[in-house]
Each structure stands twice: as C-alpha cells, then as structure tokens.
Amino acid sequence: MRSSKSITRDAVFLFINLKTYEFLKVTTLIDSIIYSQEVLYKSMKLIEEFLGAEKSLIFQLDSDRDEIFYKFIKDGKEDETKEIRFKIGEGIAGFVAATRKPFLSQNIRNDPHFSDVIEKKIGIKTNSLIAVPLESKDTLIGVIEVINKKDGKKFDSRDLKLLLSISELIGIAINNAFLYEKIKKKFEITDHKLKITKERLLSSEKLASLGSFANAIAHEVLNPVMVIAGFIRRIQKITPSNDLRWKYLIQILPQLERLERVVHDIANFAEMEPGTLSEGDINTKIRKVVSNLLSIIKQRGITIDLKLKDGLPHILMDKRYISLAIFHILMNSIEAMPNGGKIMIKTDKKEDNILVEVIDTGKGIKAEHIDKVFNPFFTSKTKSTGLGMTIVNHIISYEHGGKVEIESKEGKGTKVRLLIPTKIRG
C-alpha cells in the first residue's frame, strides 16, 4: 500500500504537469495570434479556463484620456457600442492601473475601491475578485480583472500568482499584436499612397502620349477642315434652297462643324500644361463660369440654383483650369437637358476639402457607362468628343490632388462631386 507521502508527491506532480500543460497551451495559442481583438478574446477565455473563473475582463490603457477601458467582445469581435471606462485610480481596475500592483481581497464588497459598474454592465454579482497590471517591457498597457470562481470558492494567493505568470505572456502577445497592426496600417497607407502615385503617373503618361498625338492631329487636320467648312458655307449662301445640291450642303456642313469641334477640343487638350497654383475662392470661379454660360442656360429653358456657402477657405488652384473643369461639368449638364430642367450647384467644407456638387435633372448616365466616363474619347452623345470629363478628372485629381465622384440614374439626372483639398497633398 502506498504511503500518504507518496500519494501527495504524485498529486503535486500531476498538478504541476496539468498546470504546465495549460501554461504551454496559453503560450501556444496566444503566440499564434496576430490580431489584437483575437488576442484579447482568446486570452480572456484561457484565463477563465486556467483559473476556473466565471468572468475575466482585459482593460486597455487610453493614455490620452488617462483612462482604462474594456470593450465587450462577441464572437472574437469588439462591439464598438458597448464599453466600460474607468479613470486611472477609479474602481479596482483603475486602482491597479494607478498603483501597478496586483490586487486580492477576501472581502471585496467592503473594499473602498470597489465599484458596482461592472456588475451592472455584465450582470454578474461579484463575490471574489483578483486583478493584475498588464505590462509589456515595463510599460503599462492595461489591467486584467477576474471575477468569481465557478466552484463558489474565493480566489487566493496561488490564483493571483498564476494570473501574474499568465499576464506576462498576455502582455507580450497584446503588445506584439498592437505593433503588428500599427506596422500593417503604416504599410497599407504607404501602399495606398504608392497606388495613387502610380495611377497619377500612368494617367500623366497616357495623357502626355495622347497630348502629343492630339497636337499632331490638330495641326494636320484643323486647318484643312476650317478651309473646307469655309468654302461650304460660301457655296451654301449662293445656292438656292430649291437646288438639289442644297440638300447635300445642309448634310455636309453639320458634319464638318462637328469635326471642327472635335479637332478644336483635341487641340485645347494638347495644349494643357502643368498648372500654376495660387490662392483663390472657389465660389468666385463658379459664379464667373455660370455668368458666361447664362445666355445658353436661359435659351435651353434651364433654371440654375446656386447654394454657395459663405466663408469657405481659399484653396490653392490653377484658376484657369478650375474654371475649365467647372465649364465642362456645366456643359455636360446643359447638353443633358435639351428640353429644359434644373441645375443646382452647392459648395461646402468637408474635413480638409472643399466640396463642389453639380446636380442636374438631365437624361442621366447608364449604369454600365459610369466607370468609363473618365476614359478619353468615351461618349454616348453624338455632339461630344468625350474629352470633357477626362479633362475634369485630370484637373481635379492630378493638378489639384482632389477627387471626382459621379452618381447618376438614367432618366433621373446626374450628380458630380468635386473634393478639392484646402492644402495640396503630397
């Protein structure tokens, strides 16, 4: 028969092995996770399993607000709408954060630092509680608080020591997860900036090639077209309307005029050079462009409503190009409403941008065409070169570091949104 000493030794050996296994389980699981939310969620579950606890909470440090906070986690994801916050020094968790010392009380409800805030939030009455500071490289990053043993017993000094040993691993894991996410975010931002730069470069190269081609076309084609159109007009003036040739002339001339417009637009596009930026008021430029187009707007039976916000900050702009961009957007709206309609122009400040919205009640754009409107020469209109929105996008996105967005419903109308930064982004 085995002695009581032998049984005790074996029991201790078994307990140590079990705890070592659980300790390795903590190490393995936590070390394999790289996202902070998942580390927090898995760590709390392991603490509860390790200590036979009813509930554990990991508070994170908010140094900007001198607070600690716990976010409710469901299915491994934080619930942004539910959290518990304590000022440093407030409540048990806040007290531990302030002193950076472990906490154990056999009479928790009479402790001067006890607060029933957590009880009310999680719906568990606190009978026993331990808490330890959560640190990484001697820097406080939070507090672990463990509530109630499932067997109804109170936590003791052995439980506190076990929690302290686990907290060291959890602190390292959480800090690594935060570091990983910080680096990942930095690389995502860098990658996003590189992507934008690449897109700008590709667009500039395409536009430069197109500009060289356009310049050659303009010089070679524009002069002969203008000469032919001029002679056709003269012949038309001396040809009686009952003459058979008159029918041919009235069909030829509109086509030549369209060709003139195409070549003229290409020539203007080819002459675009990098803009010269200076401070200016966007509302002033809008009013001037509208004033220049007022006669054609009235001829088409179009009403225009200006809702330009006063006191907008000036922006760095190439005044000529900004006017050209607004002109092309308005001409698109005008051409989309041959039988009249309404154009509304709104300006406002949105974060670090000036927002310009041009909204019309025109024909709208087919859903399958929305992604193509910025492509050179893409058009669904018979009297358009398809360069207007290409030029707008180039001016706003690449000359001014802004953004052009289009929303449209066929038969309902179109909204063009310009976001122009108040300061040019690098």
Foldseek 3Di string as FASTA:
>chain_A
DDDPVVVVVVVVVVVVVVLVVLLVVLLVVLVVDQALLQLQVVLFVSLCVNQQFPGKFWWFDDPVQQKTKTFDDDPSHGDPVDMDIDHQCAAPFSPCLNVQAKDFDQQQVPDPRHDCPVCVRPVDDAREKIKGFQADPPHTTTMMITGGHPVRDYDDPVSSVSVVVSSHSSSVSNVSSVVVVVVVVVVVVVVVVVVLVVVLVVLVVVLQVLLVVLQVCLVVPQVVLVVVLVVLVVVLVVDDCPDPVNVVSVVVNVVSVLVNVLSVVSNVSSPDDQADWDWDDLVVLLVVLCVVCVVLCVVQAEEEAEAEDPPDGTAIARSVLSSLLSNLVVVVQSVQRSNYWYWYWYWDDDVQWIKIKIKIQGQWDDPVCQVVLLPQQDDPDPRDRSNNNVSNCCRQCPNQVWDWDKDTDGNGIIMIMITGGRYRDD
